């Protein structure tokens, strides 16, 4: 199984769709993390909103940690899709 290969995502319509869906989720997670950090930073200006700011930083950190997990999950799924395709071709032949 070869991960992070351009050929895996361009193999067929299904792999392109999986790649696009993962990229959409990845972008939403990235944007959400940035918003959490930005709003959290602004909330640190006032002592009464400090706890909310801390929680936003924690949530933002978790979202940033999810990004490499999403990329790895995407690559594993794409690589497995290739193995299933190869197996199906062998069974047909």
Foldseek 3Di string as FASTA:
>chain_A
DDFPDPCLCVVDPVSVVLVVVLVVVLVVLLVQLVVLQVVLVVLVVDPVSPVVSVVSNVSSVVSVVCNVVSRVVSRVVSVVVVVVVVVVVVVVD
